[in-house]
Amino acid sequence: MVYNADGEFLYKFGSHGEGNGQFNAPTGVAVDANGNIIVADWGNSRIQVFDSSGSFLSYINTSADPLYGPQGLALTSDGHVAVADSGNHCFKVYRYLQ
């Protein structure tokens, strides 16, 4: 769900599932400087990227070091996403091009 600075509901996006734009227990969210919304999806062990209106754009490529149950995330100023990988008991950092 997305709210404005005054706490008013604007819109919601996503649904339950495994497809693009679907979630199975979203557990972390961040917004980049362009307004894109980055979501950690615990149940699908992935990170999805949406535009500012909630339309699916892409996944962050984690294939070289797969996630297992990402819990939260943060964006760094140098174009990376740091994610708590609960299933692997560690933190991982991936390149995220804004």
Protein backbone atom coordinates (compact mmCIF):
# COMPACT_ATOMS: atom_id res chain seq x y z
CA MET A 1 0.00 0.00 0.00
CA VAL A 2 1.23 3.48 -0.83
CA TYR A 3 0.44 6.59 1.21
CA ASN A 4 1.32 10.26 0.74
CA ALA A 5 3.30 12.35 3.23
CA ASP A 6 0.08 13.20 5.11
CA GLY A 7 -0.74 9.53 5.63
CA GLU A 8 -3.53 9.41 3.07
CA PHE A 9 -3.94 6.16 1.14
CA LEU A 10 -3.03 6.54 -2.55
CA TYR A 11 -3.04 3.05 -4.06
CA LYS A 12 -1.93 -0.54 -3.59
CA PHE A 13 -0.27 -2.97 -5.96
CA GLY A 14 0.62 -6.65 -6.19
CA SER A 15 -1.22 -9.83 -5.33
CA HIS A 16 -0.39 -13.23 -3.89
CA GLY A 17 1.58 -15.53 -6.17
CA GLU A 18 4.88 -16.24 -7.88
CA GLY A 19 4.58 -14.19 -11.09
CA ASN A 20 5.86 -10.74 -11.98
CA GLY A 21 4.41 -8.24 -9.55
CA GLN A 22 3.13 -10.93 -7.19
CA PHE A 23 4.31 -11.60 -3.64
CA ASN A 24 4.54 -14.38 -1.11
CA ALA A 25 5.25 -12.48 2.13
CA PRO A 26 6.85 -9.14 1.20
CA THR A 27 9.19 -8.17 4.05
CA GLY A 28 11.18 -5.12 3.00
CA VAL A 29 10.73 -2.02 0.88
CA ALA A 30 12.82 0.93 -0.28
CA VAL A 31 12.35 3.76 -2.77
CA ASP A 32 15.18 4.99 -4.99
CA ALA A 33 15.93 8.55 -6.10
CA ASN A 34 13.79 8.02 -9.24
CA GLY A 35 10.76 6.93 -7.23
CA ASN A 36 11.11 3.23 -8.12
CA ILE A 37 9.89 0.86 -5.41
CA ILE A 38 12.14 -2.07 -4.49
CA VAL A 39 10.53 -4.94 -2.56
CA ALA A 40 12.08 -7.94 -0.79
CA ASP A 41 9.80 -10.96 -1.22
CA TRP A 42 10.57 -13.52 1.50
CA GLY A 43 8.40 -16.38 0.25
CA ASN A 44 9.66 -16.15 -3.35
CA SER A 45 13.29 -15.42 -2.29
CA ARG A 46 13.68 -12.49 -4.65
CA ILE A 47 13.80 -8.72 -4.96
CA GLN A 48 11.42 -7.02 -7.39
CA VAL A 49 11.55 -3.49 -8.80
CA PHE A 50 8.43 -1.43 -9.60
CA ASP A 51 7.94 2.04 -11.01
CA SER A 52 6.39 4.78 -8.88
CA SER A 53 2.87 3.71 -9.86
CA GLY A 54 3.45 0.07 -8.85
CA SER A 55 3.99 -1.43 -12.31
CA PHE A 56 6.52 -4.29 -12.39
CA LEU A 57 9.85 -3.37 -14.00
CA SER A 58 12.35 -6.13 -13.21
CA TYR A 59 14.08 -8.35 -10.69
CA ILE A 60 17.43 -7.62 -9.11
CA ASN A 61 19.78 -10.31 -10.38
CA THR A 62 20.75 -12.51 -7.44
CA SER A 63 21.63 -15.64 -9.46
CA ALA A 64 25.37 -15.53 -8.65
CA ASP A 65 24.60 -15.59 -4.90
CA PRO A 66 20.95 -16.68 -4.44
CA LEU A 67 18.74 -15.40 -1.64
CA TYR A 68 16.80 -17.59 0.73
CA GLY A 69 14.17 -15.62 2.61
CA PRO A 70 15.16 -11.95 2.28
CA GLN A 71 13.82 -10.01 5.27
CA GLY A 72 14.65 -6.37 4.62
CA LEU A 73 16.68 -4.17 2.35
CA ALA A 74 18.29 -0.77 1.95
CA LEU A 75 19.75 1.11 -0.99
CA THR A 76 23.24 2.56 -0.86
CA SER A 77 24.31 5.83 -2.44
CA ASP A 78 26.70 4.00 -4.81
CA GLY A 79 24.02 1.89 -6.54
CA HIS A 80 23.85 -1.27 -4.45
CA VAL A 81 21.07 -2.95 -2.49
CA ALA A 82 21.93 -4.48 0.88
CA VAL A 83 19.57 -7.27 1.96
CA ALA A 84 19.20 -9.37 5.11
CA ASP A 85 19.18 -12.97 3.86
CA SER A 86 17.51 -14.81 6.76
CA GLY A 87 17.69 -18.31 5.30
CA ASN A 88 21.42 -18.05 4.70
CA HIS A 89 22.03 -16.20 8.02
CA CYS A 90 23.89 -13.30 6.46
CA PHE A 91 23.69 -9.95 4.71
CA LYS A 92 24.29 -9.73 0.96
CA VAL A 93 24.99 -6.79 -1.31
CA TYR A 94 23.95 -6.72 -4.97
CA ARG A 95 24.51 -4.17 -7.71
CA TYR A 96 21.38 -2.14 -8.32
CA LEU A 97 21.44 0.25 -11.26
CA GLN A 98 19.09 3.16 -10.67
